[in-house]
Amino acid sequence: MRSTVEGTLERSLNCGALPLHMACGKGAKFTTKLLLRRGGNPYVKDRHGLTAFDYANRLEVNRRPLIARILRK
């Protein structure tokens, strides 16, 4: 696991999602960017086999492309 000052980026929540998964699923642009800069990996899967991209795809149609672009950078 990668440790940061804020805690552990790869520590999952009770639902098995990582902080980056949650940020993408909520469409939180700033938080998504911050987590990626701190070493978050958009390709890591949660316990259900979903990646941050999968969480972003659950967003409303008009917000999906923005989070997807951030993840691809």
N, C-alpha and C. Protein backbone atom coordinates (compact mmCIF):
# COMPACT_ATOMS: atom_id res chain seq x y z
N MET A 1 0.83 -1.18 0.00
CA MET A 1 0.00 0.00 0.00
C MET A 1 0.88 1.24 0.00
N ARG A 2 0.37 2.29 -0.63
CA ARG A 2 1.11 3.55 -0.69
C ARG A 2 0.59 4.47 0.41
N SER A 3 1.47 4.91 1.28
CA SER A 3 1.08 5.78 2.37
C SER A 3 1.27 7.24 1.99
N THR A 4 0.39 8.09 2.47
CA THR A 4 0.50 9.53 2.27
C THR A 4 0.27 10.21 3.59
N VAL A 5 0.47 11.50 3.62
CA VAL A 5 0.22 12.27 4.84
C VAL A 5 -1.25 12.16 5.23
N GLU A 6 -2.14 12.15 4.24
CA GLU A 6 -3.57 12.12 4.51
C GLU A 6 -4.06 10.74 4.93
N GLY A 7 -3.29 9.73 4.77
CA GLY A 7 -3.72 8.37 5.09
C GLY A 7 -3.30 7.43 3.96
N THR A 8 -4.03 6.40 3.76
CA THR A 8 -3.68 5.42 2.75
C THR A 8 -4.62 5.52 1.57
N LEU A 9 -4.07 5.73 0.38
CA LEU A 9 -4.88 5.87 -0.83
C LEU A 9 -5.57 4.57 -1.21
N GLU A 10 -4.97 3.46 -0.84
CA GLU A 10 -5.51 2.17 -1.27
C GLU A 10 -6.34 1.48 -0.20
N ARG A 11 -6.71 2.19 0.84
CA ARG A 11 -7.55 1.60 1.88
C ARG A 11 -8.99 1.65 1.41
N SER A 12 -9.63 0.51 1.37
CA SER A 12 -11.01 0.48 0.88
C SER A 12 -11.99 0.79 1.99
N LEU A 13 -13.14 1.27 1.57
CA LEU A 13 -14.24 1.53 2.49
C LEU A 13 -14.99 0.23 2.73
N ASN A 14 -15.98 0.24 3.57
CA ASN A 14 -16.76 -0.97 3.86
C ASN A 14 -17.35 -1.60 2.61
N CYS A 15 -17.70 -0.77 1.64
CA CYS A 15 -18.31 -1.30 0.41
C CYS A 15 -17.27 -1.85 -0.55
N GLY A 16 -15.98 -1.73 -0.22
CA GLY A 16 -14.91 -2.24 -1.07
C GLY A 16 -14.38 -1.21 -2.05
N ALA A 17 -14.95 -0.01 -2.05
CA ALA A 17 -14.50 1.04 -2.96
C ALA A 17 -13.33 1.80 -2.36
N LEU A 18 -12.43 2.26 -3.22
CA LEU A 18 -11.31 3.08 -2.80
C LEU A 18 -11.72 4.55 -2.88
N PRO A 19 -10.97 5.45 -2.24
CA PRO A 19 -11.31 6.87 -2.31
C PRO A 19 -11.45 7.39 -3.74
N LEU A 20 -10.58 6.93 -4.65
CA LEU A 20 -10.68 7.38 -6.04
C LEU A 20 -11.97 6.90 -6.69
N HIS A 21 -12.38 5.69 -6.38
CA HIS A 21 -13.66 5.18 -6.90
C HIS A 21 -14.81 6.09 -6.46
N MET A 22 -14.81 6.44 -5.17
CA MET A 22 -15.89 7.26 -4.64
C MET A 22 -15.90 8.65 -5.26
N ALA A 23 -14.73 9.24 -5.41
CA ALA A 23 -14.64 10.58 -6.01
C ALA A 23 -15.15 10.56 -7.45
N CYS A 24 -14.77 9.54 -8.20
CA CYS A 24 -15.23 9.43 -9.60
C CYS A 24 -16.73 9.20 -9.66
N GLY A 25 -17.23 8.37 -8.77
CA GLY A 25 -18.65 8.07 -8.75
C GLY A 25 -19.52 9.26 -8.39
N LYS A 26 -18.93 10.21 -7.67
CA LYS A 26 -19.68 11.41 -7.29
C LYS A 26 -19.42 12.56 -8.25
N GLY A 27 -18.50 12.35 -9.19
CA GLY A 27 -18.18 13.42 -10.15
C GLY A 27 -17.38 14.54 -9.52
N ALA A 28 -16.62 14.22 -8.48
CA ALA A 28 -15.83 15.21 -7.74
C ALA A 28 -14.52 15.48 -8.49
N LYS A 29 -14.55 16.47 -9.35
CA LYS A 29 -13.41 16.79 -10.22
C LYS A 29 -12.14 17.10 -9.43
N PHE A 30 -12.21 18.02 -8.48
CA PHE A 30 -11.03 18.42 -7.72
C PHE A 30 -10.46 17.24 -6.94
N THR A 31 -11.31 16.50 -6.26
CA THR A 31 -10.86 15.36 -5.45
C THR A 31 -10.25 14.27 -6.32
N THR A 32 -10.86 14.02 -7.48
CA THR A 32 -10.32 13.03 -8.41
C THR A 32 -8.91 13.42 -8.84
N LYS A 33 -8.73 14.69 -9.21
CA LYS A 33 -7.40 15.17 -9.62
C LYS A 33 -6.40 15.04 -8.48
N LEU A 34 -6.81 15.43 -7.28
CA LEU A 34 -5.92 15.35 -6.12
C LEU A 34 -5.48 13.92 -5.85
N LEU A 35 -6.42 13.00 -5.85
CA LEU A 35 -6.10 11.60 -5.59
C LEU A 35 -5.17 11.02 -6.66
N LEU A 36 -5.37 11.40 -7.91
CA LEU A 36 -4.48 10.94 -8.97
C LEU A 36 -3.08 11.51 -8.79
N ARG A 37 -2.98 12.80 -8.44
CA ARG A 37 -1.67 13.42 -8.20
C ARG A 37 -0.95 12.77 -7.03
N ARG A 38 -1.71 12.28 -6.06
CA ARG A 38 -1.13 11.64 -4.88
C ARG A 38 -0.85 10.16 -5.08
N GLY A 39 -1.07 9.66 -6.29
CA GLY A 39 -0.71 8.27 -6.57
C GLY A 39 -1.87 7.31 -6.74
N GLY A 40 -3.10 7.82 -6.73
CA GLY A 40 -4.26 6.95 -6.95
C GLY A 40 -4.18 6.29 -8.32
N ASN A 41 -4.55 5.04 -8.39
CA ASN A 41 -4.47 4.27 -9.63
C ASN A 41 -5.89 4.02 -10.16
N PRO A 42 -6.25 4.59 -11.31
CA PRO A 42 -7.62 4.42 -11.84
C PRO A 42 -7.91 3.01 -12.34
N TYR A 43 -6.90 2.16 -12.42
CA TYR A 43 -7.09 0.80 -12.94
C TYR A 43 -7.26 -0.25 -11.84
N VAL A 44 -7.09 0.15 -10.58
CA VAL A 44 -7.27 -0.78 -9.47
C VAL A 44 -8.76 -1.11 -9.35
N LYS A 45 -9.04 -2.38 -9.10
CA LYS A 45 -10.44 -2.83 -9.00
C LYS A 45 -10.87 -2.93 -7.54
N ASP A 46 -12.15 -2.66 -7.32
CA ASP A 46 -12.70 -2.85 -5.98
C ASP A 46 -13.06 -4.33 -5.82
N ARG A 47 -13.67 -4.68 -4.71
CA ARG A 47 -13.95 -6.09 -4.46
C ARG A 47 -15.02 -6.66 -5.39
N HIS A 48 -15.67 -5.79 -6.16
CA HIS A 48 -16.67 -6.24 -7.13
C HIS A 48 -16.10 -6.24 -8.55
N GLY A 49 -14.81 -5.93 -8.67
CA GLY A 49 -14.15 -5.92 -9.97
C GLY A 49 -14.34 -4.64 -10.77
N LEU A 50 -14.75 -3.56 -10.11
CA LEU A 50 -14.99 -2.29 -10.80
C LEU A 50 -13.80 -1.35 -10.62
N THR A 51 -13.48 -0.59 -11.66
CA THR A 51 -12.41 0.41 -11.60
C THR A 51 -13.02 1.80 -11.44
N ALA A 52 -12.16 2.80 -11.29
CA ALA A 52 -12.63 4.19 -11.20
C ALA A 52 -13.39 4.58 -12.46
N PHE A 53 -12.98 4.04 -13.62
CA PHE A 53 -13.69 4.31 -14.88
C PHE A 53 -15.13 3.80 -14.80
N ASP A 54 -15.31 2.63 -14.21
CA ASP A 54 -16.66 2.07 -14.06
C ASP A 54 -17.53 2.96 -13.17
N TYR A 55 -16.95 3.47 -12.10
CA TYR A 55 -17.70 4.37 -11.23
C TYR A 55 -18.07 5.65 -11.98
N ALA A 56 -17.13 6.18 -12.77
CA ALA A 56 -17.40 7.39 -13.54
C ALA A 56 -18.52 7.15 -14.56
N ASN A 57 -18.58 5.96 -15.12
CA ASN A 57 -19.61 5.64 -16.11
C ASN A 57 -21.01 5.63 -15.52
N ARG A 58 -21.11 5.58 -14.21
CA ARG A 58 -22.42 5.59 -13.54
C ARG A 58 -22.96 7.01 -13.38
N LEU A 59 -22.13 8.00 -13.67
CA LEU A 59 -22.55 9.40 -13.53
C LEU A 59 -23.61 9.76 -14.56
N GLU A 60 -24.24 10.91 -14.33
CA GLU A 60 -25.16 11.46 -15.33
C GLU A 60 -24.37 11.65 -16.62
N VAL A 61 -25.04 11.51 -17.73
CA VAL A 61 -24.38 11.54 -19.04
C VAL A 61 -23.53 12.79 -19.25
N ASN A 62 -23.99 13.95 -18.82
CA ASN A 62 -23.24 15.19 -19.07
C ASN A 62 -21.99 15.32 -18.21
N ARG A 63 -21.84 14.54 -17.15
CA ARG A 63 -20.65 14.63 -16.29
C ARG A 63 -19.64 13.53 -16.56
N ARG A 64 -20.01 12.48 -17.25
CA ARG A 64 -19.09 11.36 -17.51
C ARG A 64 -17.83 11.76 -18.25
N PRO A 65 -17.95 12.50 -19.37
CA PRO A 65 -16.73 12.80 -20.15
C PRO A 65 -15.67 13.57 -19.36
N LEU A 66 -16.09 14.47 -18.49
CA LEU A 66 -15.14 15.26 -17.71
C LEU A 66 -14.30 14.37 -16.81
N ILE A 67 -14.92 13.52 -16.05
CA ILE A 67 -14.18 12.63 -15.13
C ILE A 67 -13.35 11.62 -15.93
N ALA A 68 -13.88 11.12 -17.03
CA ALA A 68 -13.13 10.17 -17.87
C ALA A 68 -11.86 10.83 -18.42
N ARG A 69 -11.95 12.11 -18.84
CA ARG A 69 -10.77 12.82 -19.35
C ARG A 69 -9.72 12.97 -18.24
N ILE A 70 -10.17 13.29 -17.04
CA ILE A 70 -9.24 13.43 -15.92
C ILE A 70 -8.52 12.10 -15.65
N LEU A 71 -9.25 11.02 -15.69
CA LEU A 71 -8.65 9.71 -15.42
C LEU A 71 -7.65 9.30 -16.49
N ARG A 72 -7.87 9.71 -17.71
CA ARG A 72 -6.99 9.30 -18.83
C ARG A 72 -5.71 10.11 -18.90
N LYS A 73 -5.62 11.24 -18.22
CA LYS A 73 -4.42 12.10 -18.31
C LYS A 73 -3.23 11.43 -17.70
